[in-house]
Amino acid sequence: MKKIELEIIALSHSVTQSHSFAVVLGEIGGTRRLPIVIGGFEAQAIAVALDNMKPSRPLTHDLMKTLCDTFEVQLEYIYISKLQDGVFYCNLVCKREEGYYEIDSRTSDALALAVRFDCPIYVEESILQEAGVEADPNEEEAVTAEEESKIAELTAPSDLISNYTEMTPAELNVHLKAALDDEDYELAARIRDELKKRK
């Protein structure tokens, strides 16, 4: 398995999904980019840290950073290890005393913590080959049209739910579980509404 180091290139509102944002990760020393759709709260958490803003009260990721510092846990790096059905899977690789620990995390939360710890971001090479796009050096947009197209392609399974009437209750329940697993509560509410109509 080959790990490629990335950095956050841009954070932008996603035109393909309402109430969503796109974080674009760029290959260090390369030209490939990896666009990932994240929620509004997570985008805010990343933006606050990137801009070195100091909220009056700590945000959840600030609290996590304080807890880790207090108990001498260091976030060494984050690792985007898998892409399945349009969902990126990520691990936090932490060090405490003499041991290393891997903790499963949503990619958006991991990125918010990586900014706070100033730690490296890695991705599996196969994921970058599958979901990455080549950056155009002449393109000035933070999120390019090609990246938005890739975002739309990767998130297509969730978008299928827009055609409710052609889905069976069993199919709707499968999508409902996936939406809840992804913590996409807006989508989950829409699916529940459709299921209620059929009772």
N, C-alpha and C. Protein backbone atom coordinates (compact mmCIF):
# COMPACT_ATOMS: atom_id res chain seq x y z
N MET A 1 0.85 -1.20 0.00
CA MET A 1 0.00 0.00 0.00
C MET A 1 0.89 1.24 0.00
N LYS A 2 0.62 2.13 -0.92
CA LYS A 2 1.42 3.35 -1.04
C LYS A 2 0.61 4.54 -0.55
N LYS A 3 1.20 5.32 0.38
CA LYS A 3 0.53 6.49 0.91
C LYS A 3 1.04 7.73 0.21
N ILE A 4 0.12 8.60 -0.18
CA ILE A 4 0.44 9.88 -0.84
C ILE A 4 0.07 11.01 0.13
N GLU A 5 0.99 11.94 0.33
CA GLU A 5 0.70 13.05 1.24
C GLU A 5 -0.08 14.15 0.51
N LEU A 6 -1.08 14.69 1.20
CA LEU A 6 -1.95 15.72 0.66
C LEU A 6 -1.93 16.94 1.56
N GLU A 7 -2.42 18.05 1.01
CA GLU A 7 -2.65 19.27 1.80
C GLU A 7 -3.98 19.86 1.38
N ILE A 8 -4.58 20.65 2.27
CA ILE A 8 -5.85 21.29 1.94
C ILE A 8 -5.59 22.46 1.01
N ILE A 9 -6.20 22.39 -0.19
CA ILE A 9 -6.02 23.41 -1.22
C ILE A 9 -7.15 24.45 -1.15
N ALA A 10 -8.37 23.97 -0.97
CA ALA A 10 -9.52 24.88 -1.02
C ALA A 10 -10.68 24.30 -0.24
N LEU A 11 -11.54 25.21 0.20
CA LEU A 11 -12.78 24.85 0.87
C LEU A 11 -13.85 25.72 0.23
N SER A 12 -14.82 25.08 -0.41
CA SER A 12 -15.77 25.83 -1.21
C SER A 12 -17.16 25.24 -1.08
N HIS A 13 -18.19 26.07 -1.30
CA HIS A 13 -19.56 25.58 -1.33
C HIS A 13 -19.72 24.67 -2.53
N SER A 14 -20.36 23.52 -2.33
CA SER A 14 -20.58 22.58 -3.42
C SER A 14 -21.82 22.96 -4.21
N VAL A 15 -21.65 23.10 -5.52
CA VAL A 15 -22.80 23.43 -6.36
C VAL A 15 -23.61 22.18 -6.71
N THR A 16 -23.07 21.00 -6.42
CA THR A 16 -23.78 19.77 -6.77
C THR A 16 -24.72 19.31 -5.67
N GLN A 17 -24.51 19.77 -4.43
CA GLN A 17 -25.36 19.35 -3.32
C GLN A 17 -25.65 20.56 -2.44
N SER A 18 -26.94 20.80 -2.15
CA SER A 18 -27.28 21.90 -1.27
C SER A 18 -26.83 21.60 0.15
N HIS A 19 -26.49 22.64 0.88
CA HIS A 19 -26.06 22.56 2.28
C HIS A 19 -24.78 21.74 2.43
N SER A 20 -24.02 21.56 1.37
CA SER A 20 -22.78 20.81 1.44
C SER A 20 -21.63 21.67 0.94
N PHE A 21 -20.44 21.28 1.33
CA PHE A 21 -19.24 21.97 0.91
C PHE A 21 -18.28 20.95 0.32
N ALA A 22 -17.31 21.43 -0.40
CA ALA A 22 -16.27 20.56 -0.96
C ALA A 22 -14.94 21.02 -0.40
N VAL A 23 -14.20 20.09 0.18
CA VAL A 23 -12.82 20.36 0.56
C VAL A 23 -11.96 19.69 -0.51
N VAL A 24 -11.02 20.43 -1.05
CA VAL A 24 -10.15 19.90 -2.11
C VAL A 24 -8.76 19.71 -1.52
N LEU A 25 -8.29 18.47 -1.59
CA LEU A 25 -6.96 18.13 -1.11
C LEU A 25 -6.03 18.00 -2.30
N GLY A 26 -4.85 18.59 -2.21
CA GLY A 26 -3.90 18.55 -3.30
C GLY A 26 -2.70 17.69 -2.97
N GLU A 27 -2.21 16.96 -3.96
CA GLU A 27 -1.03 16.09 -3.80
C GLU A 27 0.21 16.95 -3.62
N ILE A 28 0.94 16.73 -2.54
CA ILE A 28 2.18 17.47 -2.31
C ILE A 28 3.25 16.96 -3.29
N GLY A 29 3.81 17.88 -4.05
CA GLY A 29 4.81 17.51 -5.04
C GLY A 29 4.22 16.89 -6.29
N GLY A 30 2.89 17.00 -6.46
CA GLY A 30 2.23 16.44 -7.64
C GLY A 30 1.13 17.35 -8.12
N THR A 31 0.37 16.88 -9.09
CA THR A 31 -0.67 17.72 -9.70
C THR A 31 -2.08 17.21 -9.46
N ARG A 32 -2.21 16.09 -8.77
CA ARG A 32 -3.54 15.53 -8.57
C ARG A 32 -4.25 16.17 -7.37
N ARG A 33 -5.57 16.22 -7.49
CA ARG A 33 -6.40 16.74 -6.41
C ARG A 33 -7.47 15.72 -6.06
N LEU A 34 -7.90 15.78 -4.79
CA LEU A 34 -8.94 14.87 -4.31
C LEU A 34 -10.06 15.71 -3.69
N PRO A 35 -11.19 15.85 -4.40
CA PRO A 35 -12.32 16.61 -3.84
C PRO A 35 -13.20 15.70 -2.99
N ILE A 36 -13.62 16.21 -1.82
CA ILE A 36 -14.45 15.44 -0.90
C ILE A 36 -15.60 16.33 -0.44
N VAL A 37 -16.82 15.81 -0.51
CA VAL A 37 -17.99 16.54 -0.03
C VAL A 37 -18.09 16.37 1.47
N ILE A 38 -18.29 17.49 2.19
CA ILE A 38 -18.46 17.46 3.64
C ILE A 38 -19.65 18.33 4.01
N GLY A 39 -20.12 18.19 5.24
CA GLY A 39 -21.25 18.97 5.72
C GLY A 39 -20.85 20.38 6.13
N GLY A 40 -21.87 21.21 6.35
CA GLY A 40 -21.63 22.61 6.70
C GLY A 40 -20.92 22.79 8.03
N PHE A 41 -21.29 22.01 9.04
CA PHE A 41 -20.66 22.15 10.36
C PHE A 41 -19.18 21.79 10.30
N GLU A 42 -18.87 20.72 9.57
CA GLU A 42 -17.49 20.29 9.44
C GLU A 42 -16.67 21.31 8.64
N ALA A 43 -17.30 21.87 7.61
CA ALA A 43 -16.62 22.90 6.82
C ALA A 43 -16.29 24.10 7.70
N GLN A 44 -17.23 24.48 8.56
CA GLN A 44 -16.99 25.59 9.47
C GLN A 44 -15.83 25.27 10.42
N ALA A 45 -15.79 24.04 10.93
CA ALA A 45 -14.73 23.64 11.85
C ALA A 45 -13.36 23.70 11.19
N ILE A 46 -13.31 23.30 9.92
CA ILE A 46 -12.04 23.36 9.18
C ILE A 46 -11.66 24.82 8.90
N ALA A 47 -12.64 25.61 8.45
CA ALA A 47 -12.37 27.02 8.11
C ALA A 47 -11.89 27.81 9.32
N VAL A 48 -12.50 27.58 10.47
CA VAL A 48 -12.10 28.29 11.69
C VAL A 48 -10.63 28.04 12.00
N ALA A 49 -10.21 26.77 11.89
CA ALA A 49 -8.82 26.44 12.18
C ALA A 49 -7.86 26.96 11.11
N LEU A 50 -8.27 26.87 9.84
CA LEU A 50 -7.41 27.36 8.76
C LEU A 50 -7.16 28.86 8.89
N ASP A 51 -8.19 29.59 9.32
CA ASP A 51 -8.08 31.05 9.44
C ASP A 51 -7.59 31.50 10.81
N ASN A 52 -7.20 30.54 11.67
CA ASN A 52 -6.71 30.84 13.02
C ASN A 52 -7.69 31.70 13.81
N MET A 53 -8.97 31.45 13.62
CA MET A 53 -9.99 32.18 14.39
C MET A 53 -10.12 31.56 15.77
N LYS A 54 -10.44 32.39 16.76
CA LYS A 54 -10.58 31.93 18.13
C LYS A 54 -12.02 32.16 18.60
N PRO A 55 -12.87 31.13 18.54
CA PRO A 55 -14.25 31.28 19.02
C PRO A 55 -14.27 31.60 20.52
N SER A 56 -15.33 32.24 20.95
CA SER A 56 -15.44 32.60 22.38
C SER A 56 -15.49 31.35 23.25
N ARG A 57 -16.09 30.29 22.75
CA ARG A 57 -16.12 29.01 23.45
C ARG A 57 -15.57 27.94 22.51
N PRO A 58 -14.90 26.92 23.03
CA PRO A 58 -14.28 25.93 22.15
C PRO A 58 -15.29 25.12 21.34
N LEU A 59 -14.99 24.95 20.06
CA LEU A 59 -15.78 24.06 19.21
C LEU A 59 -15.43 22.61 19.56
N THR A 60 -16.21 21.67 19.06
CA THR A 60 -15.99 20.25 19.39
C THR A 60 -14.57 19.80 19.07
N HIS A 61 -14.05 20.21 17.91
CA HIS A 61 -12.71 19.77 17.53
C HIS A 61 -11.64 20.47 18.36
N ASP A 62 -11.91 21.69 18.81
CA ASP A 62 -11.00 22.36 19.74
C ASP A 62 -10.96 21.61 21.06
N LEU A 63 -12.12 21.16 21.51
CA LEU A 63 -12.20 20.39 22.75
C LEU A 63 -11.41 19.09 22.62
N MET A 64 -11.54 18.41 21.47
CA MET A 64 -10.78 17.18 21.24
C MET A 64 -9.28 17.45 21.29
N LYS A 65 -8.86 18.55 20.71
CA LYS A 65 -7.43 18.91 20.72
C LYS A 65 -6.96 19.15 22.16
N THR A 66 -7.76 19.85 22.95
CA THR A 66 -7.40 20.13 24.34
C THR A 66 -7.32 18.84 25.15
N LEU A 67 -8.29 17.94 24.93
CA LEU A 67 -8.27 16.66 25.63
C LEU A 67 -7.01 15.87 25.29
N CYS A 68 -6.67 15.82 24.01
CA CYS A 68 -5.46 15.10 23.59
C CYS A 68 -4.22 15.72 24.20
N ASP A 69 -4.13 17.04 24.20
CA ASP A 69 -2.97 17.71 24.80
C ASP A 69 -2.88 17.43 26.29
N THR A 70 -4.03 17.48 26.97
CA THR A 70 -4.06 17.27 28.41
C THR A 70 -3.59 15.87 28.79
N PHE A 71 -4.00 14.87 28.00
CA PHE A 71 -3.64 13.49 28.32
C PHE A 71 -2.48 12.98 27.46
N GLU A 72 -1.74 13.92 26.88
CA GLU A 72 -0.50 13.63 26.15
C GLU A 72 -0.70 12.61 25.03
N VAL A 73 -1.74 12.84 24.24
CA VAL A 73 -1.98 12.05 23.03
C VAL A 73 -1.66 12.94 21.84
N GLN A 74 -0.77 12.48 20.98
CA GLN A 74 -0.38 13.26 19.82
C GLN A 74 -0.98 12.64 18.56
N LEU A 75 -1.65 13.46 17.74
CA LEU A 75 -2.14 13.00 16.45
C LEU A 75 -0.97 13.07 15.47
N GLU A 76 -0.46 11.90 15.08
CA GLU A 76 0.71 11.84 14.21
C GLU A 76 0.35 12.16 12.76
N TYR A 77 -0.72 11.54 12.26
CA TYR A 77 -1.20 11.82 10.91
C TYR A 77 -2.59 11.22 10.75
N ILE A 78 -3.28 11.65 9.67
CA ILE A 78 -4.55 11.02 9.33
C ILE A 78 -4.35 10.30 8.00
N TYR A 79 -5.13 9.23 7.82
CA TYR A 79 -4.93 8.36 6.66
C TYR A 79 -6.28 7.99 6.05
N ILE A 80 -6.52 8.49 4.84
CA ILE A 80 -7.74 8.15 4.11
C ILE A 80 -7.47 6.81 3.44
N SER A 81 -8.10 5.76 3.98
CA SER A 81 -7.69 4.40 3.63
C SER A 81 -8.62 3.67 2.67
N LYS A 82 -9.86 4.15 2.54
CA LYS A 82 -10.81 3.39 1.71
C LYS A 82 -11.87 4.31 1.13
N LEU A 83 -12.35 3.96 -0.05
CA LEU A 83 -13.47 4.65 -0.68
C LEU A 83 -14.48 3.58 -1.09
N GLN A 84 -15.67 3.66 -0.50
CA GLN A 84 -16.69 2.66 -0.77
C GLN A 84 -18.05 3.32 -0.90
N ASP A 85 -18.71 3.10 -2.03
CA ASP A 85 -20.04 3.67 -2.30
C ASP A 85 -20.05 5.19 -2.10
N GLY A 86 -18.99 5.85 -2.54
CA GLY A 86 -18.92 7.30 -2.46
C GLY A 86 -18.55 7.84 -1.09
N VAL A 87 -18.23 6.96 -0.13
CA VAL A 87 -17.88 7.39 1.23
C VAL A 87 -16.40 7.13 1.46
N PHE A 88 -15.69 8.16 1.92
CA PHE A 88 -14.28 8.03 2.25
C PHE A 88 -14.16 7.58 3.71
N TYR A 89 -13.28 6.60 3.95
CA TYR A 89 -13.02 6.11 5.30
C TYR A 89 -11.63 6.57 5.73
N CYS A 90 -11.52 6.96 6.99
CA CYS A 90 -10.29 7.58 7.45
C CYS A 90 -9.92 7.08 8.84
N ASN A 91 -8.63 7.06 9.13
CA ASN A 91 -8.12 6.69 10.45
C ASN A 91 -7.27 7.81 11.02
N LEU A 92 -7.39 8.00 12.34
CA LEU A 92 -6.49 8.88 13.07
C LEU A 92 -5.37 7.99 13.61
N VAL A 93 -4.14 8.33 13.31
CA VAL A 93 -3.00 7.58 13.85
C VAL A 93 -2.40 8.41 14.97
N CYS A 94 -2.59 7.91 16.20
CA CYS A 94 -2.21 8.67 17.40
C CYS A 94 -1.06 7.99 18.12
N LYS A 95 -0.31 8.79 18.88
CA LYS A 95 0.78 8.26 19.69
C LYS A 95 0.59 8.71 21.13
N ARG A 96 0.75 7.75 22.04
CA ARG A 96 0.70 8.05 23.47
C ARG A 96 1.75 7.21 24.16
N GLU A 97 2.66 7.89 24.87
CA GLU A 97 3.80 7.22 25.48
C GLU A 97 4.54 6.43 24.41
N GLU A 98 4.63 5.11 24.54
CA GLU A 98 5.40 4.33 23.56
C GLU A 98 4.54 3.64 22.51
N GLY A 99 3.23 3.81 22.60
CA GLY A 99 2.35 3.08 21.69
C GLY A 99 1.68 3.93 20.64
N TYR A 100 1.35 3.30 19.50
CA TYR A 100 0.60 3.93 18.42
C TYR A 100 -0.79 3.31 18.36
N TYR A 101 -1.78 4.13 18.08
CA TYR A 101 -3.16 3.67 18.05
C TYR A 101 -3.84 4.22 16.81
N GLU A 102 -4.69 3.39 16.17
CA GLU A 102 -5.48 3.85 15.04
C GLU A 102 -6.94 3.93 15.46
N ILE A 103 -7.56 5.07 15.16
CA ILE A 103 -8.95 5.31 15.55
C ILE A 103 -9.75 5.65 14.29
N ASP A 104 -10.86 4.94 14.09
CA ASP A 104 -11.74 5.19 12.95
C ASP A 104 -12.38 6.57 13.09
N SER A 105 -12.48 7.30 11.98
CA SER A 105 -13.02 8.65 12.02
C SER A 105 -13.69 8.99 10.70
N ARG A 106 -14.69 9.88 10.77
CA ARG A 106 -15.19 10.47 9.53
C ARG A 106 -14.07 11.34 8.97
N THR A 107 -13.95 11.36 7.65
CA THR A 107 -12.87 12.12 7.03
C THR A 107 -12.95 13.60 7.35
N SER A 108 -14.16 14.16 7.38
CA SER A 108 -14.32 15.59 7.67
C SER A 108 -13.83 15.92 9.08
N ASP A 109 -14.13 15.07 10.07
CA ASP A 109 -13.65 15.28 11.43
C ASP A 109 -12.13 15.15 11.50
N ALA A 110 -11.60 14.15 10.79
CA ALA A 110 -10.16 13.94 10.78
C ALA A 110 -9.44 15.16 10.20
N LEU A 111 -9.99 15.74 9.13
CA LEU A 111 -9.37 16.92 8.53
C LEU A 111 -9.40 18.11 9.49
N ALA A 112 -10.53 18.27 10.21
CA ALA A 112 -10.64 19.37 11.18
C ALA A 112 -9.60 19.21 12.28
N LEU A 113 -9.33 17.98 12.69
CA LEU A 113 -8.31 17.74 13.71
C LEU A 113 -6.90 17.90 13.14
N ALA A 114 -6.69 17.45 11.90
CA ALA A 114 -5.37 17.57 11.27
C ALA A 114 -4.92 19.02 11.19
N VAL A 115 -5.85 19.91 10.89
CA VAL A 115 -5.50 21.34 10.82
C VAL A 115 -5.08 21.83 12.20
N ARG A 116 -5.78 21.40 13.24
CA ARG A 116 -5.47 21.84 14.60
C ARG A 116 -4.15 21.27 15.11
N PHE A 117 -3.83 20.04 14.73
CA PHE A 117 -2.58 19.42 15.17
C PHE A 117 -1.42 19.73 14.22
N ASP A 118 -1.74 20.33 13.08
CA ASP A 118 -0.74 20.60 12.05
C ASP A 118 0.00 19.31 11.68
N CYS A 119 -0.77 18.26 11.43
CA CYS A 119 -0.17 16.96 11.13
C CYS A 119 -0.41 16.61 9.66
N PRO A 120 0.37 15.66 9.13
CA PRO A 120 0.21 15.27 7.73
C PRO A 120 -1.12 14.58 7.44
N ILE A 121 -1.53 14.68 6.17
CA ILE A 121 -2.73 14.02 5.66
C ILE A 121 -2.26 13.07 4.55
N TYR A 122 -2.59 11.78 4.70
CA TYR A 122 -2.20 10.80 3.69
C TYR A 122 -3.44 10.14 3.08
N VAL A 123 -3.28 9.66 1.85
CA VAL A 123 -4.33 8.91 1.18
C VAL A 123 -3.71 7.71 0.50
N GLU A 124 -4.47 6.64 0.43
CA GLU A 124 -4.04 5.45 -0.30
C GLU A 124 -3.97 5.79 -1.79
N GLU A 125 -2.89 5.39 -2.44
CA GLU A 125 -2.66 5.69 -3.86
C GLU A 125 -3.84 5.27 -4.73
N SER A 126 -4.42 4.10 -4.46
CA SER A 126 -5.52 3.59 -5.28
C SER A 126 -6.74 4.52 -5.21
N ILE A 127 -6.95 5.18 -4.07
CA ILE A 127 -8.07 6.10 -3.92
C ILE A 127 -7.83 7.35 -4.77
N LEU A 128 -6.59 7.82 -4.76
CA LEU A 128 -6.26 9.00 -5.56
C LEU A 128 -6.41 8.69 -7.05
N GLN A 129 -6.07 7.48 -7.44
CA GLN A 129 -6.24 7.08 -8.85
C GLN A 129 -7.72 7.02 -9.22
N GLU A 130 -8.56 6.53 -8.29
CA GLU A 130 -9.98 6.35 -8.58
C GLU A 130 -10.76 7.66 -8.51
N ALA A 131 -10.49 8.46 -7.48
CA ALA A 131 -11.33 9.63 -7.21
C ALA A 131 -10.63 10.96 -7.46
N GLY A 132 -9.35 10.93 -7.74
CA GLY A 132 -8.61 12.17 -7.96
C GLY A 132 -8.79 12.73 -9.36
N VAL A 133 -8.44 14.00 -9.50
CA VAL A 133 -8.46 14.67 -10.81
C VAL A 133 -7.14 15.40 -10.99
N GLU A 134 -6.73 15.55 -12.23
CA GLU A 134 -5.52 16.31 -12.53
C GLU A 134 -5.82 17.80 -12.45
N ALA A 135 -4.99 18.54 -11.75
CA ALA A 135 -5.18 19.98 -11.63
C ALA A 135 -4.72 20.67 -12.91
N ASP A 136 -5.48 21.67 -13.33
CA ASP A 136 -5.11 22.49 -14.49
C ASP A 136 -4.40 23.73 -13.96
N PRO A 137 -3.11 23.89 -14.26
CA PRO A 137 -2.36 25.05 -13.74
C PRO A 137 -2.93 26.39 -14.20
N ASN A 138 -3.71 26.38 -15.29
CA ASN A 138 -4.30 27.63 -15.79
C ASN A 138 -5.67 27.92 -15.18
N GLU A 139 -6.18 26.98 -14.37
CA GLU A 139 -7.51 27.13 -13.77
C GLU A 139 -7.39 27.93 -12.48
N GLU A 140 -8.14 29.03 -12.38
CA GLU A 140 -8.05 29.88 -11.21
C GLU A 140 -9.11 29.57 -10.17
N GLU A 141 -10.15 28.83 -10.54
CA GLU A 141 -11.21 28.52 -9.59
C GLU A 141 -10.69 27.64 -8.46
N ALA A 142 -11.17 27.89 -7.22
CA ALA A 142 -10.78 27.07 -6.07
C ALA A 142 -11.22 25.63 -6.28
N VAL A 143 -12.45 25.45 -6.74
CA VAL A 143 -12.97 24.12 -7.06
C VAL A 143 -13.34 24.15 -8.53
N THR A 144 -12.62 23.36 -9.33
CA THR A 144 -12.80 23.40 -10.77
C THR A 144 -14.05 22.64 -11.20
N ALA A 145 -14.44 22.87 -12.44
CA ALA A 145 -15.61 22.17 -13.00
C ALA A 145 -15.37 20.66 -13.01
N GLU A 146 -14.14 20.25 -13.30
CA GLU A 146 -13.83 18.82 -13.32
C GLU A 146 -13.95 18.22 -11.92
N GLU A 147 -13.52 18.97 -10.92
CA GLU A 147 -13.63 18.49 -9.54
C GLU A 147 -15.10 18.39 -9.12
N GLU A 148 -15.91 19.37 -9.50
CA GLU A 148 -17.34 19.31 -9.19
C GLU A 148 -17.98 18.11 -9.88
N SER A 149 -17.54 17.81 -11.11
CA SER A 149 -18.06 16.65 -11.82
C SER A 149 -17.69 15.36 -11.09
N LYS A 150 -16.47 15.30 -10.57
CA LYS A 150 -16.03 14.12 -9.82
C LYS A 150 -16.82 13.99 -8.53
N ILE A 151 -17.09 15.11 -7.86
CA ILE A 151 -17.90 15.10 -6.64
C ILE A 151 -19.28 14.55 -6.95
N ALA A 152 -19.88 15.02 -8.04
CA ALA A 152 -21.21 14.55 -8.42
C ALA A 152 -21.20 13.05 -8.71
N GLU A 153 -20.16 12.59 -9.37
CA GLU A 153 -20.04 11.16 -9.71
C GLU A 153 -19.91 10.32 -8.45
N LEU A 154 -19.08 10.77 -7.50
CA LEU A 154 -18.84 10.01 -6.28
C LEU A 154 -20.04 9.99 -5.36
N THR A 155 -20.86 11.01 -5.43
CA THR A 155 -22.01 11.09 -4.52
C THR A 155 -23.30 10.64 -5.19
N ALA A 156 -23.20 10.12 -6.40
CA ALA A 156 -24.40 9.73 -7.14
C ALA A 156 -25.30 8.76 -6.40
N PRO A 157 -24.77 7.75 -5.65
CA PRO A 157 -25.69 6.83 -4.97
C PRO A 157 -26.66 7.52 -4.04
N SER A 158 -26.23 8.56 -3.33
CA SER A 158 -27.13 9.29 -2.44
C SER A 158 -28.15 10.09 -3.23
N ASP A 159 -27.74 10.57 -4.40
CA ASP A 159 -28.64 11.41 -5.18
C ASP A 159 -29.78 10.60 -5.81
N LEU A 160 -29.63 9.29 -5.90
CA LEU A 160 -30.68 8.47 -6.50
C LEU A 160 -32.00 8.58 -5.74
N ILE A 161 -31.92 8.98 -4.48
CA ILE A 161 -33.10 9.04 -3.65
C ILE A 161 -34.07 10.12 -4.09
N SER A 162 -33.59 11.04 -4.94
CA SER A 162 -34.48 12.11 -5.40
C SER A 162 -35.66 11.55 -6.18
N ASN A 163 -35.52 10.34 -6.73
CA ASN A 163 -36.61 9.73 -7.48
C ASN A 163 -37.32 8.73 -6.56
N TYR A 164 -38.00 9.25 -5.53
CA TYR A 164 -38.62 8.41 -4.50
C TYR A 164 -39.65 7.45 -5.05
N THR A 165 -40.49 7.93 -5.94
CA THR A 165 -41.68 7.18 -6.33
C THR A 165 -41.36 5.85 -6.99
N GLU A 166 -40.18 5.71 -7.57
CA GLU A 166 -39.83 4.48 -8.26
C GLU A 166 -39.14 3.47 -7.35
N MET A 167 -38.95 3.82 -6.06
CA MET A 167 -38.26 2.93 -5.13
C MET A 167 -39.25 2.17 -4.27
N THR A 168 -38.89 0.92 -4.00
CA THR A 168 -39.70 0.12 -3.10
C THR A 168 -39.40 0.53 -1.66
N PRO A 169 -40.28 0.19 -0.70
CA PRO A 169 -39.98 0.49 0.71
C PRO A 169 -38.67 -0.13 1.17
N ALA A 170 -38.35 -1.32 0.68
CA ALA A 170 -37.09 -1.96 1.06
C ALA A 170 -35.90 -1.15 0.58
N GLU A 171 -35.98 -0.65 -0.67
CA GLU A 171 -34.89 0.18 -1.20
C GLU A 171 -34.77 1.48 -0.41
N LEU A 172 -35.92 2.07 -0.08
CA LEU A 172 -35.89 3.30 0.70
C LEU A 172 -35.24 3.08 2.07
N ASN A 173 -35.53 1.95 2.68
CA ASN A 173 -34.95 1.65 3.99
C ASN A 173 -33.44 1.46 3.91
N VAL A 174 -32.97 0.88 2.82
CA VAL A 174 -31.52 0.74 2.62
C VAL A 174 -30.87 2.12 2.53
N HIS A 175 -31.49 3.02 1.75
CA HIS A 175 -30.96 4.37 1.62
C HIS A 175 -31.07 5.14 2.93
N LEU A 176 -32.14 4.88 3.69
CA LEU A 176 -32.30 5.55 4.98
C LEU A 176 -31.16 5.16 5.92
N LYS A 177 -30.83 3.87 5.97
CA LYS A 177 -29.74 3.42 6.83
C LYS A 177 -28.41 4.04 6.40
N ALA A 178 -28.18 4.11 5.08
CA ALA A 178 -26.94 4.70 4.57
C ALA A 178 -26.86 6.19 4.94
N ALA A 179 -27.98 6.90 4.82
CA ALA A 179 -28.00 8.33 5.17
C ALA A 179 -27.71 8.53 6.65
N LEU A 180 -28.28 7.68 7.50
CA LEU A 180 -28.03 7.78 8.94
C LEU A 180 -26.58 7.44 9.27
N ASP A 181 -26.03 6.42 8.60
CA ASP A 181 -24.63 6.06 8.81
C ASP A 181 -23.70 7.20 8.43
N ASP A 182 -24.07 7.93 7.36
CA ASP A 182 -23.26 9.06 6.90
C ASP A 182 -23.58 10.35 7.66
N GLU A 183 -24.55 10.26 8.60
CA GLU A 183 -24.99 11.41 9.37
C GLU A 183 -25.54 12.52 8.48
N ASP A 184 -26.16 12.13 7.36
CA ASP A 184 -26.84 13.07 6.47
C ASP A 184 -28.30 13.11 6.90
N TYR A 185 -28.58 13.89 7.95
CA TYR A 185 -29.90 13.87 8.57
C TYR A 185 -30.96 14.55 7.72
N GLU A 186 -30.54 15.49 6.89
CA GLU A 186 -31.49 16.14 5.99
C GLU A 186 -32.03 15.13 4.98
N LEU A 187 -31.14 14.32 4.41
CA LEU A 187 -31.56 13.29 3.47
C LEU A 187 -32.40 12.24 4.18
N ALA A 188 -31.99 11.85 5.37
CA ALA A 188 -32.74 10.84 6.14
C ALA A 188 -34.17 11.30 6.40
N ALA A 189 -34.34 12.58 6.71
CA ALA A 189 -35.68 13.11 6.97
C ALA A 189 -36.55 13.05 5.71
N ARG A 190 -35.95 13.33 4.55
CA ARG A 190 -36.70 13.27 3.30
C ARG A 190 -37.15 11.83 3.01
N ILE A 191 -36.26 10.86 3.29
CA ILE A 191 -36.61 9.47 3.04
C ILE A 191 -37.72 9.03 4.00
N ARG A 192 -37.62 9.44 5.26
CA ARG A 192 -38.66 9.08 6.24
C ARG A 192 -40.01 9.65 5.81
N ASP A 193 -40.00 10.89 5.30
CA ASP A 193 -41.25 11.50 4.83
C ASP A 193 -41.90 10.66 3.74
N GLU A 194 -41.08 10.16 2.82
CA GLU A 194 -41.61 9.33 1.74
C GLU A 194 -42.15 8.01 2.28
N LEU A 195 -41.45 7.41 3.24
CA LEU A 195 -41.94 6.16 3.83
C LEU A 195 -43.26 6.37 4.56
N LYS A 196 -43.40 7.52 5.24
CA LYS A 196 -44.65 7.82 5.97
C LYS A 196 -45.83 7.96 5.00
N LYS A 197 -45.56 8.52 3.81
CA LYS A 197 -46.64 8.70 2.82
C LYS A 197 -47.24 7.37 2.40
N ARG A 198 -46.42 6.33 2.45
CA ARG A 198 -46.86 5.02 1.93
C ARG A 198 -47.59 4.19 2.98
N LYS A 199 -47.66 4.66 4.20
CA LYS A 199 -48.35 3.89 5.27
C LYS A 199 -49.83 4.20 5.28
